[in-house]
PDB file of N, CA and C in Angstrom:
ATOM      1  N   MET A   1       2.835 -13.561  16.792  1.00  0.00           N
ATOM      2  CA  MET A   1       3.159 -13.962  15.476  1.00  0.00           C
ATOM      3  C   MET A   1       4.641 -13.954  15.384  1.00  0.00           C
ATOM      4  N   PRO A   2       4.910 -15.156  14.731  1.00  0.00           N
ATOM      5  CA  PRO A   2       6.539 -15.372  14.750  1.00  0.00           C
ATOM      6  C   PRO A   2       7.168 -14.610  13.653  1.00  0.00           C
ATOM      7  N   THR A   3       8.379 -13.907  13.699  1.00  0.00           N
ATOM      8  CA  THR A   3       8.951 -12.724  12.808  1.00  0.00           C
ATOM      9  C   THR A   3       8.829 -12.953  11.626  1.00  0.00           C
ATOM     10  N   ASP A   4       9.083 -14.287  11.031  1.00  0.00           N
ATOM     11  CA  ASP A   4       9.541 -14.711  10.291  1.00  0.00           C
ATOM     12  C   ASP A   4       8.169 -15.119   9.416  1.00  0.00           C
ATOM     13  N   LEU A   5       6.970 -15.123   9.945  1.00  0.00           N
ATOM     14  CA  LEU A   5       5.792 -15.366   9.152  1.00  0.00           C
ATOM     15  C   LEU A   5       5.504 -13.846   8.946  1.00  0.00           C
ATOM     16  N   TYR A   6       5.667 -12.868  10.117  1.00  0.00           N
ATOM     17  CA  TYR A   6       5.665 -11.613   9.930  1.00  0.00           C
ATOM     18  C   TYR A   6       6.122 -10.681   8.850  1.00  0.00           C
ATOM     19  N   GLY A   7       7.157 -10.932   8.779  1.00  0.00           N
ATOM     20  CA  GLY A   7       8.078 -10.252   7.565  1.00  0.00           C
ATOM     21  C   GLY A   7       7.742 -10.936   6.203  1.00  0.00           C
ATOM     22  N   PHE A   8       7.216 -12.082   6.119  1.00  0.00           N
ATOM     23  CA  PHE A   8       6.583 -12.751   4.967  1.00  0.00           C
ATOM     24  C   PHE A   8       4.886 -12.238   4.495  1.00  0.00           C
ATOM     25  N   LEU A   9       4.467 -11.796   5.393  1.00  0.00           N
ATOM     26  CA  LEU A   9       2.857 -11.437   5.574  1.00  0.00           C
ATOM     27  C   LEU A   9       3.149  -9.820   4.979  1.00  0.00           C
ATOM     28  N   SER A  10       4.286  -9.171   5.689  1.00  0.00           N
ATOM     29  CA  SER A  10       4.566  -7.915   5.173  1.00  0.00           C
ATOM     30  C   SER A  10       4.683  -7.695   4.355  1.00  0.00           C
ATOM     31  N   ILE A  11       5.422  -8.459   3.406  1.00  0.00           N
ATOM     32  CA  ILE A  11       5.753  -8.108   2.188  1.00  0.00           C
ATOM     33  C   ILE A  11       4.981  -8.258   0.972  1.00  0.00           C
ATOM     34  N   ILE A  12       4.251  -9.795   1.243  1.00  0.00           N
ATOM     35  CA  ILE A  12       2.830  -9.574   0.274  1.00  0.00           C
ATOM     36  C   ILE A  12       2.004  -8.807   0.481  1.00  0.00           C
ATOM     37  N   LEU A  13       1.681  -8.668   1.365  1.00  0.00           N
ATOM     38  CA  LEU A  13       0.879  -7.403   1.552  1.00  0.00           C
ATOM     39  C   LEU A  13       1.512  -6.217   1.110  1.00  0.00           C
ATOM     40  N   SER A  14       2.612  -5.606   0.772  1.00  0.00           N
ATOM     41  CA  SER A  14       2.978  -4.365   0.419  1.00  0.00           C
ATOM     42  C   SER A  14       2.920  -4.547  -0.668  1.00  0.00           C
ATOM     43  N   ILE A  15       3.184  -5.549  -1.122  1.00  0.00           N
ATOM     44  CA  ILE A  15       3.053  -5.692  -3.167  1.00  0.00           C
ATOM     45  C   ILE A  15       1.805  -5.764  -3.541  1.00  0.00           C
ATOM     46  N   THR A  16       0.913  -6.262  -2.873  1.00  0.00           N
ATOM     47  CA  THR A  16      -0.457  -6.564  -3.044  1.00  0.00           C
ATOM     48  C   THR A  16      -0.966  -5.221  -3.410  1.00  0.00           C
ATOM     49  N   PHE A  17      -1.050  -4.531  -2.041  1.00  0.00           N
ATOM     50  CA  PHE A  17      -1.565  -3.368  -2.158  1.00  0.00           C
ATOM     51  C   PHE A  17      -1.030  -1.864  -3.163  1.00  0.00           C
ATOM     52  N   ILE A  18       0.226  -1.974  -3.233  1.00  0.00           N
ATOM     53  CA  ILE A  18       1.040  -1.696  -4.222  1.00  0.00           C
ATOM     54  C   ILE A  18       0.332  -1.564  -5.348  1.00  0.00           C
ATOM     55  N   GLY A  19       0.371  -3.237  -5.758  1.00  0.00           N
ATOM     56  CA  GLY A  19       0.173  -3.004  -7.124  1.00  0.00           C
ATOM     57  C   GLY A  19      -1.933  -2.785  -6.972  1.00  0.00           C
ATOM     58  N   LEU A  20      -2.727  -3.168  -6.120  1.00  0.00           N
ATOM     59  CA  LEU A  20      -3.933  -2.787  -6.038  1.00  0.00           C
ATOM     60  C   LEU A  20      -4.056  -1.010  -6.278  1.00  0.00           C
ATOM     61  N   SER A  21      -3.039  -0.152  -5.392  1.00  0.00           N
ATOM     62  CA  SER A  21      -3.284   1.488  -5.855  1.00  0.00           C
ATOM     63  C   SER A  21      -2.825   1.871  -7.432  1.00  0.00           C
ATOM     64  N   TRP A  22      -2.055   1.163  -7.840  1.00  0.00           N
ATOM     65  CA  TRP A  22      -1.756   1.231  -9.160  1.00  0.00           C
ATOM     66  C   TRP A  22      -2.973   1.117 -10.259  1.00  0.00           C
ATOM     67  N   TRP A  23      -3.373  -0.278  -9.807  1.00  0.00           N
ATOM     68  CA  TRP A  23      -4.806  -0.132 -10.683  1.00  0.00           C
ATOM     69  C   TRP A  23      -5.766   0.659 -10.224  1.00  0.00           C
ATOM     70  N   ALA A  24      -5.758   1.592  -8.692  1.00  0.00           N
ATOM     71  CA  ALA A  24      -6.458   1.873  -8.611  1.00  0.00           C
ATOM     72  C   ALA A  24      -6.337   3.395  -9.534  1.00  0.00           C
ATOM     73  N   LEU A  25      -4.928   3.827  -9.693  1.00  0.00           N
ATOM     74  CA  LEU A  25      -4.929   4.904 -10.003  1.00  0.00           C
ATOM     75  C   LEU A  25      -4.726   5.127 -11.703  1.00  0.00           C
ATOM     76  N   GLN A  26      -5.228   3.897 -12.180  1.00  0.00           N
ATOM     77  CA  GLN A  26      -5.230   4.119 -13.670  1.00  0.00           C
ATOM     78  C   GLN A  26      -6.651   4.700 -14.300  1.00  0.00           C
ATOM     79  N   SER A  27      -7.776   4.708 -13.042  1.00  0.00           N
ATOM     80  CA  SER A  27      -8.743   5.245 -13.256  1.00  0.00           C
ATOM     81  C   SER A  27      -9.255   6.946 -13.467  1.00  0.00           C
ATOM     82  N   ILE A  28      -7.968   7.459 -12.408  1.00  0.00           N
ATOM     83  CA  ILE A  28      -7.637   8.964 -12.566  1.00  0.00           C
ATOM     84  C   ILE A  28      -7.530   9.796 -13.808  1.00  0.00           C
ATOM     85  N   ARG A  29      -7.939  10.552 -14.506  1.00  0.00           N
ATOM     86  CA  ARG A  29      -7.637  11.562 -15.685  1.00  0.00           C
ATOM     87  C   ARG A  29      -7.102  12.372 -15.172  1.00  0.00           C
ATOM     88  N   PHE A  30      -5.435  11.774 -15.156  1.00  0.00           N
ATOM     89  CA  PHE A  30      -4.386  12.690 -14.907  1.00  0.00           C
ATOM     90  C   PHE A  30      -4.644  13.693 -16.066  1.00  0.00           C
ATOM     91  N   GLU A  31      -4.644  14.042 -17.204  1.00  0.00           N
ATOM     92  CA  GLU A  31      -4.674  14.534 -18.017  1.00  0.00           C
ATOM     93  C   GLU A  31      -5.443  16.122 -18.069  1.00  0.00           C
ATOM     94  N   LYS A  32      -5.968  16.326 -17.065  1.00  0.00           N
ATOM     95  CA  LYS A  32      -6.546  17.428 -16.187  1.00  0.00           C
ATOM     96  C   LYS A  32      -5.841  17.762 -14.965  1.00  0.00           C
ATOM     97  N   ILE A  33      -4.929  17.349 -14.792  1.00  0.00           N
ATOM     98  CA  ILE A  33      -4.351  17.919 -13.654  1.00  0.00           C
ATOM     99  C   ILE A  33      -2.869  18.476 -13.991  1.00  0.00           C
ATOM    100  N   LEU A  34      -2.244  17.529 -14.916  1.00  0.00           N
ATOM    101  CA  LEU A  34      -0.625  17.566 -15.169  1.00  0.00           C
ATOM    102  C   LEU A  34      -0.884  18.122 -16.919  1.00  0.00           C
ATOM    103  N   LYS A  35       0.281  18.676 -17.400  1.00  0.00           N
ATOM    104  CA  LYS A  35       0.278  19.390 -18.248  1.00  0.00           C
ATOM    105  C   LYS A  35       0.873  18.376 -19.481  1.00  0.00           C
ATOM    106  N   ARG A  36       1.637  17.606 -19.097  1.00  0.00           N
ATOM    107  CA  ARG A  36       1.792  16.289 -19.786  1.00  0.00           C
ATOM    108  C   ARG A  36       1.354  14.897 -19.029  1.00  0.00           C
ATOM    109  N   PRO A  37       0.214  14.197 -19.586  1.00  0.00           N
ATOM    110  CA  PRO A  37      -0.035  13.516 -18.421  1.00  0.00           C
ATOM    111  C   PRO A  37       1.110  12.209 -19.117  1.00  0.00           C
ATOM    112  N   ASN A  38       1.345  12.024 -20.686  1.00  0.00           N
ATOM    113  CA  ASN A  38       1.751  10.918 -21.262  1.00  0.00           C
ATOM    114  C   ASN A  38       3.354  10.758 -20.593  1.00  0.00           C
ATOM    115  N   SER A  39       4.345  11.807 -20.324  1.00  0.00           N
ATOM    116  CA  SER A  39       5.514  11.807 -20.086  1.00  0.00           C
ATOM    117  C   SER A  39       6.054  11.261 -19.279  1.00  0.00           C
ATOM    118  N   PRO A  40       7.535  10.854 -19.240  1.00  0.00           N
ATOM    119  CA  PRO A  40       7.855   9.738 -18.080  1.00  0.00           C
ATOM    120  C   PRO A  40       7.857  10.338 -16.717  1.00  0.00           C
ATOM    121  N   GLN A  41       7.932  11.750 -16.459  1.00  0.00           N
ATOM    122  CA  GLN A  41       7.606  12.320 -15.295  1.00  0.00           C
ATOM    123  C   GLN A  41       6.013  11.937 -14.826  1.00  0.00           C
ATOM    124  N   ALA A  42       5.164  12.168 -15.530  1.00  0.00           N
ATOM    125  CA  ALA A  42       3.991  11.438 -14.865  1.00  0.00           C
ATOM    126  C   ALA A  42       3.687  10.370 -14.578  1.00  0.00           C
ATOM    127  N   LYS A  43       4.245   9.382 -15.397  1.00  0.00           N
ATOM    128  CA  LYS A  43       4.343   7.934 -15.289  1.00  0.00           C
ATOM    129  C   LYS A  43       4.819   7.650 -13.778  1.00  0.00           C
ATOM    130  N   LEU A  44       6.226   8.138 -13.903  1.00  0.00           N
ATOM    131  CA  LEU A  44       6.945   8.442 -12.394  1.00  0.00           C
ATOM    132  C   LEU A  44       6.230   8.527 -11.180  1.00  0.00           C
ATOM    133  N   LEU A  45       5.421   9.800 -11.521  1.00  0.00           N
ATOM    134  CA  LEU A  45       4.358  10.547 -10.529  1.00  0.00           C
ATOM    135  C   LEU A  45       3.332   9.255  -9.737  1.00  0.00           C
ATOM    136  N   GLN A  46       2.490   8.593 -11.118  1.00  0.00           N
ATOM    137  CA  GLN A  46       2.000   7.920 -10.807  1.00  0.00           C
ATOM    138  C   GLN A  46       2.528   6.344  -9.880  1.00  0.00           C
ATOM    139  N   ILE A  47       4.127   6.401 -10.116  1.00  0.00           N
ATOM    140  CA  ILE A  47       4.507   4.776  -9.577  1.00  0.00           C
ATOM    141  C   ILE A  47       4.335   5.123  -7.972  1.00  0.00           C
ATOM    142  N   PHE A  48       5.267   6.358  -7.968  1.00  0.00           N
ATOM    143  CA  PHE A  48       5.395   7.167  -6.666  1.00  0.00           C
ATOM    144  C   PHE A  48       3.881   7.391  -5.705  1.00  0.00           C
ATOM    145  N   LEU A  49       3.047   7.455  -6.362  1.00  0.00           N
ATOM    146  CA  LEU A  49       1.672   7.813  -4.909  1.00  0.00           C
ATOM    147  C   LEU A  49       1.512   6.342  -5.051  1.00  0.00           C
ATOM    148  N   SER A  50       1.675   5.427  -6.202  1.00  0.00           N
ATOM    149  CA  SER A  50       1.054   4.050  -5.639  1.00  0.00           C
ATOM    150  C   SER A  50       2.096   3.910  -4.711  1.00  0.00           C
ATOM    151  N   ILE A  51       3.121   3.757  -4.180  1.00  0.00           N
ATOM    152  CA  ILE A  51       4.257   2.843  -3.441  1.00  0.00           C
ATOM    153  C   ILE A  51       3.417   3.381  -2.576  1.00  0.00           C
ATOM    154  N   VAL A  52       3.480   4.997  -2.154  1.00  0.00           N
ATOM    155  CA  VAL A  52       3.188   5.289  -1.016  1.00  0.00           C
ATOM    156  C   VAL A  52       1.679   5.321  -0.820  1.00  0.00           C
ATOM    157  N   ILE A  53       0.789   5.288  -1.438  1.00  0.00           N
ATOM    158  CA  ILE A  53      -0.615   4.468  -0.945  1.00  0.00           C
ATOM    159  C   ILE A  53      -0.899   2.865  -0.546  1.00  0.00           C
ATOM    160  N   GLY A  54      -0.425   2.131  -1.315  1.00  0.00           N
ATOM    161  CA  GLY A  54       0.093   0.867  -0.750  1.00  0.00           C
ATOM    162  C   GLY A  54       0.685   0.300   0.047  1.00  0.00           C
ATOM    163  N   TYR A  55       1.886   1.445   0.476  1.00  0.00           N
ATOM    164  CA  TYR A  55       2.637   0.963   1.915  1.00  0.00           C
ATOM    165  C   TYR A  55       2.019   1.327   3.065  1.00  0.00           C
ATOM    166  N   GLU A  56       1.142   2.636   2.581  1.00  0.00           N
ATOM    167  CA  GLU A  56       0.548   2.805   4.112  1.00  0.00           C
ATOM    168  C   GLU A  56      -0.927   1.946   4.091  1.00  0.00           C
ATOM    169  N   LEU A  57      -1.789   1.747   3.341  1.00  0.00           N
ATOM    170  CA  LEU A  57      -2.549   0.380   3.499  1.00  0.00           C
ATOM    171  C   LEU A  57      -1.891  -0.779   3.985  1.00  0.00           C
ATOM    172  N   SER A  58      -0.638  -1.280   3.658  1.00  0.00           N
ATOM    173  CA  SER A  58      -0.048  -2.376   4.078  1.00  0.00           C
ATOM    174  C   SER A  58      -0.208  -2.307   5.659  1.00  0.00           C
ATOM    175  N   ARG A  59       0.897  -0.873   5.672  1.00  0.00           N
ATOM    176  CA  ARG A  59       0.894  -0.572   7.164  1.00  0.00           C
ATOM    177  C   ARG A  59      -0.007  -1.082   8.293  1.00  0.00           C
ATOM    178  N   PHE A  60      -0.997  -0.048   7.796  1.00  0.00           N
ATOM    179  CA  PHE A  60      -2.563   0.023   8.377  1.00  0.00           C
ATOM    180  C   PHE A  60      -2.663  -1.373   8.652  1.00  0.00           C
ATOM    181  N   PHE A  61      -3.138  -2.360   7.672  1.00  0.00           N
ATOM    182  CA  PHE A  61      -3.326  -3.333   8.077  1.00  0.00           C
ATOM    183  C   PHE A  61      -2.420  -4.473   8.803  1.00  0.00           C
ATOM    184  N   LEU A  62      -1.255  -4.013   8.442  1.00  0.00           N
ATOM    185  CA  LEU A  62      -0.261  -4.804   9.572  1.00  0.00           C
ATOM    186  C   LEU A  62      -0.502  -4.305  11.236  1.00  0.00           C
ATOM    187  N   ASP A  63      -0.734  -3.237  11.641  1.00  0.00           N
ATOM    188  CA  ASP A  63      -0.939  -2.350  12.451  1.00  0.00           C
ATOM    189  C   ASP A  63      -1.980  -3.428  13.299  1.00  0.00           C
ATOM    190  N   TYR A  64      -3.375  -3.414  12.342  1.00  0.00           N
ATOM    191  CA  TYR A  64      -4.255  -3.739  12.720  1.00  0.00           C
ATOM    192  C   TYR A  64      -4.358  -4.999  13.183  1.00  0.00           C
ATOM    193  N   LEU A  65      -3.868  -5.680  12.629  1.00  0.00           N
ATOM    194  CA  LEU A  65      -3.382  -7.008  12.682  1.00  0.00           C
ATOM    195  C   LEU A  65      -2.390  -7.571  14.019  1.00  0.00           C
ATOM    196  N   GLY A  66      -1.811  -6.628  14.359  1.00  0.00           N
ATOM    197  CA  GLY A  66      -0.995  -6.378  15.565  1.00  0.00           C
ATOM    198  C   GLY A  66      -1.815  -6.281  17.101  1.00  0.00           C
ATOM    199  N   TRP A  67      -2.412  -4.970  16.861  1.00  0.00           N
ATOM    200  CA  TRP A  67      -3.364  -4.658  17.753  1.00  0.00           C
ATOM    201  C   TRP A  67      -4.335  -5.276  18.239  1.00  0.00           C
ATOM    202  N   SER A  68      -4.822  -6.349  17.339  1.00  0.00           N
ATOM    203  CA  SER A  68      -6.271  -7.240  17.275  1.00  0.00           C
ATOM    204  C   SER A  68      -5.369  -8.494  18.394  1.00  0.00           C
ATOM    205  N   MET A  69      -4.683  -8.955  17.597  1.00  0.00           N
ATOM    206  CA  MET A  69      -3.168  -9.355  18.680  1.00  0.00           C
ATOM    207  C   MET A  69      -3.317  -9.299  20.103  1.00  0.00           C
ATOM    208  N   VAL A  70      -2.514  -8.461  20.144  1.00  0.00           N
ATOM    209  CA  VAL A  70      -2.553  -7.940  21.725  1.00  0.00           C
ATOM    210  C   VAL A  70      -3.973  -7.572  22.871  1.00  0.00           C
ATOM    211  N   PHE A  71      -4.721  -7.697  21.886  1.00  0.00           N
ATOM    212  CA  PHE A  71      -6.041  -6.932  22.629  1.00  0.00           C
ATOM    213  C   PHE A  71      -6.697  -8.345  22.845  1.00  0.00           C
ATOM    214  N   GLY A  72      -6.334  -9.296  22.067  1.00  0.00           N
ATOM    215  CA  GLY A  72      -6.865 -10.700  22.611  1.00  0.00           C
ATOM    216  C   GLY A  72      -6.224 -11.030  23.825  1.00  0.00           C
ATOM    217  N   ASN A  73      -4.749 -10.490  23.966  1.00  0.00           N
ATOM    218  CA  ASN A  73      -4.174 -11.317  25.180  1.00  0.00           C
ATOM    219  C   ASN A  73      -4.640 -10.741  26.197  1.00  0.00           C
ATOM    220  N   LEU A  74      -5.146  -9.287  26.422  1.00  0.00           N
ATOM    221  CA  LEU A  74      -5.849  -8.587  27.642  1.00  0.00           C
ATOM    222  C   LEU A  74      -6.564  -9.309  28.422  1.00  0.00           C
ATOM    223  N   PHE A  75      -7.413 -10.623  27.957  1.00  0.00           N
ATOM    224  CA  PHE A  75      -8.316 -10.906  28.355  1.00  0.00           C
ATOM    225  C   PHE A  75      -8.226 -12.097  28.410  1.00  0.00           C
ATOM    226  N   THR A  76      -6.714 -12.682  29.081  1.00  0.00           N
ATOM    227  CA  THR A  76      -6.530 -14.235  29.004  1.00  0.00           C
ATOM    228  C   THR A  76      -5.302 -14.428  30.063  1.00  0.00           C
TER     229      THR A  76
END
């Protein structure tokens, strides 16, 4: 896979998975976990959690794509 395409795909997947994890984190009831769930610190925690989860998901899919491309070359 060309480097330009890989970089573009990496950016798109990272942004997509960060957005999806932000959306998924909205269903968690943080008022049972945090003292002040509507504070700026709580929102910042949600942002950091969504970035970490989204980044890890995108890394997993990009690694999986890379492994599958290498695996295909083993038999040719």
